[in-house]
Amino acid sequence: MLVRKLEDCREFVSGDEALLREILHPDGSDLSIGYSLAHAVVEPGKITRPHRLQTSEVYYILAGNGVMYVDDDHAPVVPGTSVYIPPGAKQNIENTGDTDLVFLCIVDPAWKAADEEIL
């Protein structure tokens, strides 16, 4: 069994400028998973840089309010919202609230720097 606490995961600024903590990733571990799982935070009034992945991604909103942009579409997001982002889609998320926008990112297959393009 693997148990990880969020506070034990190193926080860093991702390429799209979100605050990120990688929770699970198959690289550098003996996990037999094909996806990666990260915890992301976007501060009030901030918007992430548009980017695209060659892989699919799902955002699951835990806290806060925002707007998700995928290609030419957008939708409000609140806690309990799931967003599927298809491979190759231009994406970013905006925090429209007055508290942190907090969400999980599931990338399948697992995130790799070579698969991400910051626009």
PDB file of N, CA and C in Angstrom:
ATOM      1  N   MET A   1       0.850  -1.173   0.000  1.00  0.00           N
ATOM      2  CA  MET A   1       0.000   0.000   0.000  1.00  0.00           C
ATOM      3  C   MET A   1       0.893   1.232   0.000  1.00  0.00           C
ATOM      4  N   LEU A   2       0.498   2.204  -0.795  1.00  0.00           N
ATOM      5  CA  LEU A   2       1.182   3.495  -0.816  1.00  0.00           C
ATOM      6  C   LEU A   2       0.214   4.542  -0.285  1.00  0.00           C
ATOM      7  N   VAL A   3       0.661   5.288   0.704  1.00  0.00           N
ATOM      8  CA  VAL A   3      -0.128   6.380   1.262  1.00  0.00           C
ATOM      9  C   VAL A   3       0.720   7.639   1.178  1.00  0.00           C
ATOM     10  N   ARG A   4       0.176   8.685   0.563  1.00  0.00           N
ATOM     11  CA  ARG A   4       0.907   9.957   0.451  1.00  0.00           C
ATOM     12  C   ARG A   4       0.051  11.059   1.024  1.00  0.00           C
ATOM     13  N   LYS A   5       0.674  11.921   1.806  1.00  0.00           N
ATOM     14  CA  LYS A   5      -0.002  13.104   2.314  1.00  0.00           C
ATOM     15  C   LYS A   5       0.374  14.285   1.434  1.00  0.00           C
ATOM     16  N   LEU A   6      -0.596  15.137   1.167  1.00  0.00           N
ATOM     17  CA  LEU A   6      -0.374  16.271   0.282  1.00  0.00           C
ATOM     18  C   LEU A   6       0.798  17.124   0.754  1.00  0.00           C
ATOM     19  N   GLU A   7       0.887  17.363   2.056  1.00  0.00           N
ATOM     20  CA  GLU A   7       1.964  18.224   2.574  1.00  0.00           C
ATOM     21  C   GLU A   7       3.352  17.606   2.401  1.00  0.00           C
ATOM     22  N   ASP A   8       3.419  16.311   2.117  1.00  0.00           N
ATOM     23  CA  ASP A   8       4.707  15.660   1.861  1.00  0.00           C
ATOM     24  C   ASP A   8       5.129  15.741   0.394  1.00  0.00           C
ATOM     25  N   CYS A   9       4.244  16.253  -0.461  1.00  0.00           N
ATOM     26  CA  CYS A   9       4.540  16.387  -1.885  1.00  0.00           C
ATOM     27  C   CYS A   9       5.087  17.794  -2.138  1.00  0.00           C
ATOM     28  N   ARG A  10       6.189  17.880  -2.824  1.00  0.00           N
ATOM     29  CA  ARG A  10       6.843  19.160  -3.092  1.00  0.00           C
ATOM     30  C   ARG A  10       5.950  20.051  -3.948  1.00  0.00           C
ATOM     31  N   GLU A  11       5.800  21.309  -3.534  1.00  0.00           N
ATOM     32  CA  GLU A  11       5.034  22.279  -4.313  1.00  0.00           C
ATOM     33  C   GLU A  11       5.962  23.013  -5.262  1.00  0.00           C
ATOM     34  N   PHE A  12       5.487  23.229  -6.505  1.00  0.00           N
ATOM     35  CA  PHE A  12       6.261  23.977  -7.494  1.00  0.00           C
ATOM     36  C   PHE A  12       5.298  24.691  -8.429  1.00  0.00           C
ATOM     37  N   VAL A  13       5.814  25.656  -9.172  1.00  0.00           N
ATOM     38  CA  VAL A  13       5.012  26.369 -10.157  1.00  0.00           C
ATOM     39  C   VAL A  13       5.137  25.621 -11.477  1.00  0.00           C
ATOM     40  N   SER A  14       4.011  25.198 -12.010  1.00  0.00           N
ATOM     41  CA  SER A  14       4.004  24.441 -13.264  1.00  0.00           C
ATOM     42  C   SER A  14       4.201  25.371 -14.455  1.00  0.00           C
ATOM     43  N   GLY A  15       4.371  24.796 -15.628  1.00  0.00           N
ATOM     44  CA  GLY A  15       4.575  25.574 -16.845  1.00  0.00           C
ATOM     45  C   GLY A  15       3.416  26.505 -17.162  1.00  0.00           C
ATOM     46  N   ASP A  16       2.206  26.141 -16.723  1.00  0.00           N
ATOM     47  CA  ASP A  16       1.051  27.010 -16.966  1.00  0.00           C
ATOM     48  C   ASP A  16       0.831  27.996 -15.822  1.00  0.00           C
ATOM     49  N   GLU A  17       1.737  27.977 -14.844  1.00  0.00           N
ATOM     50  CA  GLU A  17       1.789  28.907 -13.711  1.00  0.00           C
ATOM     51  C   GLU A  17       0.798  28.610 -12.594  1.00  0.00           C
ATOM     52  N   ALA A  18       0.310  27.377 -12.510  1.00  0.00           N
ATOM     53  CA  ALA A  18      -0.473  26.940 -11.353  1.00  0.00           C
ATOM     54  C   ALA A  18       0.506  26.457 -10.285  1.00  0.00           C
ATOM     55  N   LEU A  19       0.062  26.460  -9.032  1.00  0.00           N
ATOM     56  CA  LEU A  19       0.851  25.841  -7.960  1.00  0.00           C
ATOM     57  C   LEU A  19       0.490  24.362  -7.960  1.00  0.00           C
ATOM     58  N   LEU A  20       1.477  23.507  -8.118  1.00  0.00           N
ATOM     59  CA  LEU A  20       1.222  22.092  -8.336  1.00  0.00           C
ATOM     60  C   LEU A  20       1.970  21.233  -7.325  1.00  0.00           C
ATOM     61  N   ARG A  21       1.358  20.136  -6.964  1.00  0.00           N
ATOM     62  CA  ARG A  21       1.999  19.084  -6.163  1.00  0.00           C
ATOM     63  C   ARG A  21       1.683  17.761  -6.852  1.00  0.00           C
ATOM     64  N   GLU A  22       2.720  17.078  -7.304  1.00  0.00           N
ATOM     65  CA  GLU A  22       2.522  15.778  -7.944  1.00  0.00           C
ATOM     66  C   GLU A  22       2.313  14.729  -6.859  1.00  0.00           C
ATOM     67  N   ILE A  23       1.163  14.075  -6.905  1.00  0.00           N
ATOM     68  CA  ILE A  23       0.817  13.091  -5.877  1.00  0.00           C
ATOM     69  C   ILE A  23       1.248  11.696  -6.300  1.00  0.00           C
ATOM     70  N   LEU A  24       0.868  11.298  -7.512  1.00  0.00           N
ATOM     71  CA  LEU A  24       1.213   9.971  -8.025  1.00  0.00           C
ATOM     72  C   LEU A  24       1.727  10.086  -9.447  1.00  0.00           C
ATOM     73  N   HIS A  25       2.807   9.386  -9.736  1.00  0.00           N
ATOM     74  CA  HIS A  25       3.351   9.328 -11.096  1.00  0.00           C
ATOM     75  C   HIS A  25       4.126   8.023 -11.215  1.00  0.00           C
ATOM     76  N   PRO A  26       3.959   7.287 -12.316  1.00  0.00           N
ATOM     77  CA  PRO A  26       4.640   6.000 -12.439  1.00  0.00           C
ATOM     78  C   PRO A  26       6.158   6.118 -12.615  1.00  0.00           C
ATOM     79  N   ASP A  27       6.655   7.238 -13.137  1.00  0.00           N
ATOM     80  CA  ASP A  27       8.102   7.394 -13.317  1.00  0.00           C
ATOM     81  C   ASP A  27       8.791   7.517 -11.962  1.00  0.00           C
ATOM     82  N   GLY A  28       9.888   6.826 -11.818  1.00  0.00           N
ATOM     83  CA  GLY A  28      10.667   6.909 -10.586  1.00  0.00           C
ATOM     84  C   GLY A  28      10.022   6.213  -9.407  1.00  0.00           C
ATOM     85  N   SER A  29       9.064   5.343  -9.668  1.00  0.00           N
ATOM     86  CA  SER A  29       8.424   4.595  -8.581  1.00  0.00           C
ATOM     87  C   SER A  29       8.086   3.204  -9.088  1.00  0.00           C
ATOM     88  N   ASP A  30       7.648   2.370  -8.191  1.00  0.00           N
ATOM     89  CA  ASP A  30       7.265   1.020  -8.606  1.00  0.00           C
ATOM     90  C   ASP A  30       5.746   0.885  -8.732  1.00  0.00           C
ATOM     91  N   LEU A  31       5.072   2.015  -8.966  1.00  0.00           N
ATOM     92  CA  LEU A  31       3.627   1.987  -9.144  1.00  0.00           C
ATOM     93  C   LEU A  31       3.282   1.406 -10.507  1.00  0.00           C
ATOM     94  N   SER A  32       2.299   0.544 -10.541  1.00  0.00           N
ATOM     95  CA  SER A  32       1.867  -0.026 -11.820  1.00  0.00           C
ATOM     96  C   SER A  32       0.601   0.697 -12.282  1.00  0.00           C
ATOM     97  N   ILE A  33       0.763   2.004 -12.538  1.00  0.00           N
ATOM     98  CA  ILE A  33      -0.332   2.824 -13.037  1.00  0.00           C
ATOM     99  C   ILE A  33       0.107   3.474 -14.346  1.00  0.00           C
ATOM    100  N   GLY A  34      -0.845   3.832 -15.181  1.00  0.00           N
ATOM    101  CA  GLY A  34      -0.518   4.475 -16.440  1.00  0.00           C
ATOM    102  C   GLY A  34      -0.835   5.957 -16.449  1.00  0.00           C
ATOM    103  N   TYR A  35      -1.402   6.459 -15.362  1.00  0.00           N
ATOM    104  CA  TYR A  35      -1.809   7.854 -15.269  1.00  0.00           C
ATOM    105  C   TYR A  35      -0.958   8.584 -14.233  1.00  0.00           C
ATOM    106  N   SER A  36      -1.105   9.906 -14.186  1.00  0.00           N
ATOM    107  CA  SER A  36      -0.504  10.689 -13.111  1.00  0.00           C
ATOM    108  C   SER A  36      -1.603  11.503 -12.445  1.00  0.00           C
ATOM    109  N   LEU A  37      -1.396  11.821 -11.173  1.00  0.00           N
ATOM    110  CA  LEU A  37      -2.359  12.569 -10.375  1.00  0.00           C
ATOM    111  C   LEU A  37      -1.642  13.715  -9.700  1.00  0.00           C
ATOM    112  N   ALA A  38      -2.167  14.931  -9.880  1.00  0.00           N
ATOM    113  CA  ALA A  38      -1.574  16.112  -9.259  1.00  0.00           C
ATOM    114  C   ALA A  38      -2.659  16.950  -8.599  1.00  0.00           C
ATOM    115  N   HIS A  39      -2.236  17.737  -7.621  1.00  0.00           N
ATOM    116  CA  HIS A  39      -3.092  18.682  -6.903  1.00  0.00           C
ATOM    117  C   HIS A  39      -2.676  20.072  -7.347  1.00  0.00           C
ATOM    118  N   ALA A  40      -3.636  20.879  -7.781  1.00  0.00           N
ATOM    119  CA  ALA A  40      -3.321  22.199  -8.318  1.00  0.00           C
ATOM    120  C   ALA A  40      -4.084  23.286  -7.574  1.00  0.00           C
ATOM    121  N   VAL A  41      -3.455  24.474  -7.500  1.00  0.00           N
ATOM    122  CA  VAL A  41      -4.077  25.647  -6.893  1.00  0.00           C
ATOM    123  C   VAL A  41      -3.848  26.838  -7.814  1.00  0.00           C
ATOM    124  N   VAL A  42      -4.924  27.585  -8.064  1.00  0.00           N
ATOM    125  CA  VAL A  42      -4.837  28.850  -8.775  1.00  0.00           C
ATOM    126  C   VAL A  42      -5.384  29.910  -7.816  1.00  0.00           C
ATOM    127  N   GLU A  43      -4.581  30.911  -7.548  1.00  0.00           N
ATOM    128  CA  GLU A  43      -4.954  31.929  -6.577  1.00  0.00           C
ATOM    129  C   GLU A  43      -6.045  32.851  -7.130  1.00  0.00           C
ATOM    130  N   PRO A  44      -6.773  33.539  -6.234  1.00  0.00           N
ATOM    131  CA  PRO A  44      -7.843  34.440  -6.660  1.00  0.00           C
ATOM    132  C   PRO A  44      -7.348  35.468  -7.688  1.00  0.00           C
ATOM    133  N   GLY A  45      -8.163  35.669  -8.740  1.00  0.00           N
ATOM    134  CA  GLY A  45      -7.837  36.647  -9.765  1.00  0.00           C
ATOM    135  C   GLY A  45      -6.818  36.199 -10.793  1.00  0.00           C
ATOM    136  N   LYS A  46      -6.296  34.984 -10.665  1.00  0.00           N
ATOM    137  CA  LYS A  46      -5.271  34.478 -11.599  1.00  0.00           C
ATOM    138  C   LYS A  46      -5.905  33.567 -12.638  1.00  0.00           C
ATOM    139  N   ILE A  47      -5.199  33.443 -13.751  1.00  0.00           N
ATOM    140  CA  ILE A  47      -5.592  32.542 -14.833  1.00  0.00           C
ATOM    141  C   ILE A  47      -4.333  31.815 -15.290  1.00  0.00           C
ATOM    142  N   THR A  48      -4.449  30.532 -15.557  1.00  0.00           N
ATOM    143  CA  THR A  48      -3.279  29.784 -16.010  1.00  0.00           C
ATOM    144  C   THR A  48      -2.988  30.110 -17.464  1.00  0.00           C
ATOM    145  N   ARG A  49      -1.753  29.869 -17.852  1.00  0.00           N
ATOM    146  CA  ARG A  49      -1.361  30.105 -19.247  1.00  0.00           C
ATOM    147  C   ARG A  49      -2.001  29.034 -20.136  1.00  0.00           C
ATOM    148  N   PRO A  50      -2.485  29.430 -21.293  1.00  0.00           N
ATOM    149  CA  PRO A  50      -3.017  28.431 -22.221  1.00  0.00           C
ATOM    150  C   PRO A  50      -1.926  27.413 -22.577  1.00  0.00           C
ATOM    151  N   HIS A  51      -2.333  26.163 -22.635  1.00  0.00           N
ATOM    152  CA  HIS A  51      -1.401  25.091 -22.971  1.00  0.00           C
ATOM    153  C   HIS A  51      -2.192  23.932 -23.556  1.00  0.00           C
ATOM    154  N   ARG A  52      -1.455  22.979 -24.101  1.00  0.00           N
ATOM    155  CA  ARG A  52      -2.107  21.769 -24.607  1.00  0.00           C
ATOM    156  C   ARG A  52      -1.223  20.569 -24.288  1.00  0.00           C
ATOM    157  N   LEU A  53      -1.889  19.460 -24.069  1.00  0.00           N
ATOM    158  CA  LEU A  53      -1.216  18.190 -23.830  1.00  0.00           C
ATOM    159  C   LEU A  53      -1.517  17.243 -24.984  1.00  0.00           C
ATOM    160  N   GLN A  54      -0.597  16.354 -25.264  1.00  0.00           N
ATOM    161  CA  GLN A  54      -0.844  15.315 -26.268  1.00  0.00           C
ATOM    162  C   GLN A  54      -1.697  14.188 -25.691  1.00  0.00           C
ATOM    163  N   THR A  55      -1.923  14.237 -24.400  1.00  0.00           N
ATOM    164  CA  THR A  55      -2.669  13.203 -23.697  1.00  0.00           C
ATOM    165  C   THR A  55      -3.991  13.773 -23.184  1.00  0.00           C
ATOM    166  N   SER A  56      -4.867  12.910 -22.721  1.00  0.00           N
ATOM    167  CA  SER A  56      -6.127  13.387 -22.146  1.00  0.00           C
ATOM    168  C   SER A  56      -5.902  13.799 -20.690  1.00  0.00           C
ATOM    169  N   GLU A  57      -6.776  14.680 -20.218  1.00  0.00           N
ATOM    170  CA  GLU A  57      -6.667  15.157 -18.835  1.00  0.00           C
ATOM    171  C   GLU A  57      -8.073  15.362 -18.276  1.00  0.00           C
ATOM    172  N   VAL A  58      -8.209  15.138 -16.982  1.00  0.00           N
ATOM    173  CA  VAL A  58      -9.453  15.413 -16.271  1.00  0.00           C
ATOM    174  C   VAL A  58      -9.118  16.327 -15.103  1.00  0.00           C
ATOM    175  N   TYR A  59      -9.901  17.396 -14.953  1.00  0.00           N
ATOM    176  CA  TYR A  59      -9.831  18.250 -13.766  1.00  0.00           C
ATOM    177  C   TYR A  59     -11.030  17.903 -12.897  1.00  0.00           C
ATOM    178  N   TYR A  60     -10.794  17.801 -11.594  1.00  0.00           N
ATOM    179  CA  TYR A  60     -11.889  17.632 -10.637  1.00  0.00           C
ATOM    180  C   TYR A  60     -11.770  18.757  -9.624  1.00  0.00           C
ATOM    181  N   ILE A  61     -12.756  19.627  -9.575  1.00  0.00           N
ATOM    182  CA  ILE A  61     -12.699  20.824  -8.736  1.00  0.00           C
ATOM    183  C   ILE A  61     -13.053  20.458  -7.290  1.00  0.00           C
ATOM    184  N   LEU A  62     -12.144  20.831  -6.378  1.00  0.00           N
ATOM    185  CA  LEU A  62     -12.332  20.566  -4.946  1.00  0.00           C
ATOM    186  C   LEU A  62     -12.851  21.787  -4.194  1.00  0.00           C
ATOM    187  N   ALA A  63     -12.385  22.988  -4.563  1.00  0.00           N
ATOM    188  CA  ALA A  63     -12.758  24.210  -3.840  1.00  0.00           C
ATOM    189  C   ALA A  63     -12.620  25.412  -4.759  1.00  0.00           C
ATOM    190  N   GLY A  64     -13.420  26.435  -4.501  1.00  0.00           N
ATOM    191  CA  GLY A  64     -13.325  27.682  -5.247  1.00  0.00           C
ATOM    192  C   GLY A  64     -14.274  27.732  -6.428  1.00  0.00           C
ATOM    193  N   ASN A  65     -14.186  28.841  -7.155  1.00  0.00           N
ATOM    194  CA  ASN A  65     -15.025  29.080  -8.330  1.00  0.00           C
ATOM    195  C   ASN A  65     -14.151  29.546  -9.470  1.00  0.00           C
ATOM    196  N   GLY A  66     -14.510  29.132 -10.673  1.00  0.00           N
ATOM    197  CA  GLY A  66     -13.704  29.555 -11.809  1.00  0.00           C
ATOM    198  C   GLY A  66     -14.401  29.329 -13.124  1.00  0.00           C
ATOM    199  N   VAL A  67     -13.626  29.530 -14.175  1.00  0.00           N
ATOM    200  CA  VAL A  67     -14.085  29.270 -15.537  1.00  0.00           C
ATOM    201  C   VAL A  67     -13.021  28.420 -16.219  1.00  0.00           C
ATOM    202  N   MET A  68     -13.457  27.324 -16.810  1.00  0.00           N
ATOM    203  CA  MET A  68     -12.573  26.429 -17.553  1.00  0.00           C
ATOM    204  C   MET A  68     -12.715  26.744 -19.029  1.00  0.00           C
ATOM    205  N   TYR A  69     -11.570  26.871 -19.704  1.00  0.00           N
ATOM    206  CA  TYR A  69     -11.544  27.137 -21.139  1.00  0.00           C
ATOM    207  C   TYR A  69     -10.914  25.938 -21.843  1.00  0.00           C
ATOM    208  N   VAL A  70     -11.638  25.383 -22.809  1.00  0.00           N
ATOM    209  CA  VAL A  70     -11.132  24.284 -23.626  1.00  0.00           C
ATOM    210  C   VAL A  70     -11.439  24.624 -25.080  1.00  0.00           C
ATOM    211  N   ASP A  71     -10.366  24.830 -25.861  1.00  0.00           N
ATOM    212  CA  ASP A  71     -10.496  25.295 -27.240  1.00  0.00           C
ATOM    213  C   ASP A  71     -11.367  26.554 -27.260  1.00  0.00           C
ATOM    214  N   ASP A  72     -12.457  26.562 -28.028  1.00  0.00           N
ATOM    215  CA  ASP A  72     -13.303  27.756 -28.127  1.00  0.00           C
ATOM    216  C   ASP A  72     -14.495  27.723 -27.181  1.00  0.00           C
ATOM    217  N   ASP A  73     -14.484  26.805 -26.233  1.00  0.00           N
ATOM    218  CA  ASP A  73     -15.602  26.645 -25.307  1.00  0.00           C
ATOM    219  C   ASP A  73     -15.168  27.047 -23.903  1.00  0.00           C
ATOM    220  N   HIS A  74     -16.119  27.407 -23.070  1.00  0.00           N
ATOM    221  CA  HIS A  74     -15.829  27.696 -21.668  1.00  0.00           C
ATOM    222  C   HIS A  74     -17.064  27.366 -20.826  1.00  0.00           C
ATOM    223  N   ALA A  75     -16.812  27.093 -19.541  1.00  0.00           N
ATOM    224  CA  ALA A  75     -17.900  26.745 -18.632  1.00  0.00           C
ATOM    225  C   ALA A  75     -17.484  27.097 -17.209  1.00  0.00           C
ATOM    226  N   PRO A  76     -18.456  27.504 -16.380  1.00  0.00           N
ATOM    227  CA  PRO A  76     -18.139  27.755 -14.973  1.00  0.00           C
ATOM    228  C   PRO A  76     -17.823  26.440 -14.270  1.00  0.00           C
ATOM    229  N   VAL A  77     -16.932  26.507 -13.284  1.00  0.00           N
ATOM    230  CA  VAL A  77     -16.604  25.327 -12.479  1.00  0.00           C
ATOM    231  C   VAL A  77     -16.714  25.681 -11.000  1.00  0.00           C
ATOM    232  N   VAL A  78     -17.255  24.747 -10.241  1.00  0.00           N
ATOM    233  CA  VAL A  78     -17.436  24.866  -8.798  1.00  0.00           C
ATOM    234  C   VAL A  78     -17.077  23.517  -8.187  1.00  0.00           C
ATOM    235  N   PRO A  79     -16.962  23.429  -6.865  1.00  0.00           N
ATOM    236  CA  PRO A  79     -16.655  22.132  -6.257  1.00  0.00           C
ATOM    237  C   PRO A  79     -17.611  21.031  -6.727  1.00  0.00           C
ATOM    238  N   GLY A  80     -17.032  19.897  -7.055  1.00  0.00           N
ATOM    239  CA  GLY A  80     -17.804  18.763  -7.547  1.00  0.00           C
ATOM    240  C   GLY A  80     -17.867  18.683  -9.062  1.00  0.00           C
ATOM    241  N   THR A  81     -17.312  19.685  -9.768  1.00  0.00           N
ATOM    242  CA  THR A  81     -17.318  19.688 -11.228  1.00  0.00           C
ATOM    243  C   THR A  81     -16.148  18.868 -11.764  1.00  0.00           C
ATOM    244  N   SER A  82     -16.413  18.038 -12.756  1.00  0.00           N
ATOM    245  CA  SER A  82     -15.375  17.316 -13.493  1.00  0.00           C
ATOM    246  C   SER A  82     -15.323  17.868 -14.907  1.00  0.00           C
ATOM    247  N   VAL A  83     -14.111  18.025 -15.442  1.00  0.00           N
ATOM    248  CA  VAL A  83     -13.931  18.514 -16.809  1.00  0.00           C
ATOM    249  C   VAL A  83     -13.000  17.557 -17.534  1.00  0.00           C
ATOM    250  N   TYR A  84     -13.464  17.015 -18.661  1.00  0.00           N
ATOM    251  CA  TYR A  84     -12.617  16.173 -19.518  1.00  0.00           C
ATOM    252  C   TYR A  84     -11.997  17.063 -20.581  1.00  0.00           C
ATOM    253  N   ILE A  85     -10.692  16.962 -20.748  1.00  0.00           N
ATOM    254  CA  ILE A  85      -9.955  17.729 -21.750  1.00  0.00           C
ATOM    255  C   ILE A  85      -9.330  16.733 -22.723  1.00  0.00           C
ATOM    256  N   PRO A  86      -9.783  16.727 -23.975  1.00  0.00           N
ATOM    257  CA  PRO A  86      -9.257  15.747 -24.920  1.00  0.00           C
ATOM    258  C   PRO A  86      -7.815  16.043 -25.324  1.00  0.00           C
ATOM    259  N   PRO A  87      -7.101  15.042 -25.798  1.00  0.00           N
ATOM    260  CA  PRO A  87      -5.733  15.252 -26.257  1.00  0.00           C
ATOM    261  C   PRO A  87      -5.672  16.359 -27.318  1.00  0.00           C
ATOM    262  N   GLY A  88      -4.679  17.224 -27.201  1.00  0.00           N
ATOM    263  CA  GLY A  88      -4.446  18.272 -28.183  1.00  0.00           C
ATOM    264  C   GLY A  88      -5.284  19.524 -28.014  1.00  0.00           C
ATOM    265  N   ALA A  89      -6.207  19.535 -27.052  1.00  0.00           N
ATOM    266  CA  ALA A  89      -7.071  20.704 -26.867  1.00  0.00           C
ATOM    267  C   ALA A  89      -6.317  21.822 -26.141  1.00  0.00           C
ATOM    268  N   LYS A  90      -6.542  23.051 -26.571  1.00  0.00           N
ATOM    269  CA  LYS A  90      -6.018  24.226 -25.879  1.00  0.00           C
ATOM    270  C   LYS A  90      -6.831  24.391 -24.596  1.00  0.00           C
ATOM    271  N   GLN A  91      -6.147  24.569 -23.467  1.00  0.00           N
ATOM    272  CA  GLN A  91      -6.839  24.629 -22.190  1.00  0.00           C
ATOM    273  C   GLN A  91      -6.206  25.628 -21.239  1.00  0.00           C
ATOM    274  N   ASN A  92      -7.039  26.209 -20.402  1.00  0.00           N
ATOM    275  CA  ASN A  92      -6.585  26.963 -19.235  1.00  0.00           C
ATOM    276  C   ASN A  92      -7.778  27.183 -18.327  1.00  0.00           C
ATOM    277  N   ILE A  93      -7.479  27.616 -17.105  1.00  0.00           N
ATOM    278  CA  ILE A  93      -8.527  27.790 -16.102  1.00  0.00           C
ATOM    279  C   ILE A  93      -8.301  29.105 -15.374  1.00  0.00           C
ATOM    280  N   GLU A  94      -9.406  29.777 -15.059  1.00  0.00           N
ATOM    281  CA  GLU A  94      -9.364  31.082 -14.402  1.00  0.00           C
ATOM    282  C   GLU A  94     -10.063  30.998 -13.057  1.00  0.00           C
ATOM    283  N   ASN A  95      -9.453  31.596 -12.043  1.00  0.00           N
ATOM    284  CA  ASN A  95     -10.083  31.693 -10.737  1.00  0.00           C
ATOM    285  C   ASN A  95     -10.884  32.984 -10.704  1.00  0.00           C
ATOM    286  N   THR A  96     -12.206  32.870 -10.656  1.00  0.00           N
ATOM    287  CA  THR A  96     -13.081  34.041 -10.631  1.00  0.00           C
ATOM    288  C   THR A  96     -13.607  34.338  -9.237  1.00  0.00           C
ATOM    289  N   GLY A  97     -13.156  33.571  -8.256  1.00  0.00           N
ATOM    290  CA  GLY A  97     -13.635  33.752  -6.888  1.00  0.00           C
ATOM    291  C   GLY A  97     -12.664  34.541  -6.036  1.00  0.00           C
ATOM    292  N   ASP A  98     -12.956  34.577  -4.740  1.00  0.00           N
ATOM    293  CA  ASP A  98     -12.096  35.304  -3.804  1.00  0.00           C
ATOM    294  C   ASP A  98     -11.328  34.372  -2.861  1.00  0.00           C
ATOM    295  N   THR A  99     -11.349  33.075  -3.180  1.00  0.00           N
ATOM    296  CA  THR A  99     -10.548  32.079  -2.458  1.00  0.00           C
ATOM    297  C   THR A  99      -9.795  31.243  -3.489  1.00  0.00           C
ATOM    298  N   ASP A 100      -8.851  30.442  -3.034  1.00  0.00           N
ATOM    299  CA  ASP A 100      -8.104  29.579  -3.950  1.00  0.00           C
ATOM    300  C   ASP A 100      -9.030  28.653  -4.735  1.00  0.00           C
ATOM    301  N   LEU A 101      -8.722  28.469  -6.008  1.00  0.00           N
ATOM    302  CA  LEU A 101      -9.371  27.461  -6.842  1.00  0.00           C
ATOM    303  C   LEU A 101      -8.479  26.221  -6.747  1.00  0.00           C
ATOM    304  N   VAL A 102      -9.013  25.141  -6.208  1.00  0.00           N
ATOM    305  CA  VAL A 102      -8.237  23.936  -5.919  1.00  0.00           C
ATOM    306  C   VAL A 102      -8.841  22.779  -6.699  1.00  0.00           C
ATOM    307  N   PHE A 103      -7.977  22.017  -7.382  1.00  0.00           N
ATOM    308  CA  PHE A 103      -8.490  20.915  -8.182  1.00  0.00           C
ATOM    309  C   PHE A 103      -7.443  19.825  -8.335  1.00  0.00           C
ATOM    310  N   LEU A 104      -7.915  18.641  -8.684  1.00  0.00           N
ATOM    311  CA  LEU A 104      -7.054  17.512  -9.016  1.00  0.00           C
ATOM    312  C   LEU A 104      -6.926  17.424 -10.526  1.00  0.00           C
ATOM    313  N   CYS A 105      -5.750  17.016 -10.998  1.00  0.00           N
ATOM    314  CA  CYS A 105      -5.483  16.816 -12.426  1.00  0.00           C
ATOM    315  C   CYS A 105      -5.082  15.359 -12.624  1.00  0.00           C
ATOM    316  N   ILE A 106      -5.818  14.668 -13.460  1.00  0.00           N
ATOM    317  CA  ILE A 106      -5.490  13.285 -13.800  1.00  0.00           C
ATOM    318  C   ILE A 106      -5.113  13.271 -15.279  1.00  0.00           C
ATOM    319  N   VAL A 107      -3.893  12.866 -15.578  1.00  0.00           N
ATOM    320  CA  VAL A 107      -3.400  12.831 -16.950  1.00  0.00           C
ATOM    321  C   VAL A 107      -3.169  11.371 -17.332  1.00  0.00           C
ATOM    322  N   ASP A 108      -3.713  10.983 -18.504  1.00  0.00           N
ATOM    323  CA  ASP A 108      -3.613   9.597 -18.949  1.00  0.00           C
ATOM    324  C   ASP A 108      -3.344   9.553 -20.449  1.00  0.00           C
ATOM    325  N   PRO A 109      -2.221   8.937 -20.855  1.00  0.00           N
ATOM    326  CA  PRO A 109      -1.144   8.394 -20.037  1.00  0.00           C
ATOM    327  C   PRO A 109      -0.456   9.484 -19.212  1.00  0.00           C
ATOM    328  N   ALA A 110       0.348   9.051 -18.262  1.00  0.00           N
ATOM    329  CA  ALA A 110       0.974   9.939 -17.290  1.00  0.00           C
ATOM    330  C   ALA A 110       1.666  11.140 -17.942  1.00  0.00           C
ATOM    331  N   TRP A 111       1.584  12.284 -17.258  1.00  0.00           N
ATOM    332  CA  TRP A 111       2.163  13.537 -17.741  1.00  0.00           C
ATOM    333  C   TRP A 111       3.659  13.390 -17.995  1.00  0.00           C
ATOM    334  N   LYS A 112       4.099  13.967 -19.123  1.00  0.00           N
ATOM    335  CA  LYS A 112       5.520  14.083 -19.471  1.00  0.00           C
ATOM    336  C   LYS A 112       5.734  15.478 -20.020  1.00  0.00           C
ATOM    337  N   ALA A 113       6.846  16.091 -19.681  1.00  0.00           N
ATOM    338  CA  ALA A 113       7.158  17.445 -20.166  1.00  0.00           C
ATOM    339  C   ALA A 113       7.107  17.510 -21.683  1.00  0.00           C
ATOM    340  N   ALA A 114       7.555  16.472 -22.350  1.00  0.00           N
ATOM    341  CA  ALA A 114       7.598  16.462 -23.820  1.00  0.00           C
ATOM    342  C   ALA A 114       6.190  16.461 -24.427  1.00  0.00           C
ATOM    343  N   ASP A 115       5.176  16.091 -23.640  1.00  0.00           N
ATOM    344  CA  ASP A 115       3.799  16.030 -24.131  1.00  0.00           C
ATOM    345  C   ASP A 115       3.044  17.333 -23.935  1.00  0.00           C
ATOM    346  N   GLU A 116       3.683  18.336 -23.319  1.00  0.00           N
ATOM    347  CA  GLU A 116       2.995  19.596 -23.004  1.00  0.00           C
ATOM    348  C   GLU A 116       3.590  20.754 -23.806  1.00  0.00           C
ATOM    349  N   GLU A 117       2.702  21.579 -24.347  1.00  0.00           N
ATOM    350  CA  GLU A 117       3.112  22.774 -25.076  1.00  0.00           C
ATOM    351  C   GLU A 117       2.453  23.978 -24.411  1.00  0.00           C
ATOM    352  N   ILE A 118       3.271  24.927 -23.909  1.00  0.00           N
ATOM    353  CA  ILE A 118       2.761  26.168 -23.352  1.00  0.00           C
ATOM    354  C   ILE A 118       2.576  27.135 -24.521  1.00  0.00           C
ATOM    355  N   LEU A 119       1.406  27.709 -24.622  1.00  0.00           N
ATOM    356  CA  LEU A 119       1.083  28.581 -25.765  1.00  0.00           C
ATOM    357  C   LEU A 119       1.301  30.043 -25.426  1.00  0.00           C
TER     358      LEU A 119
END
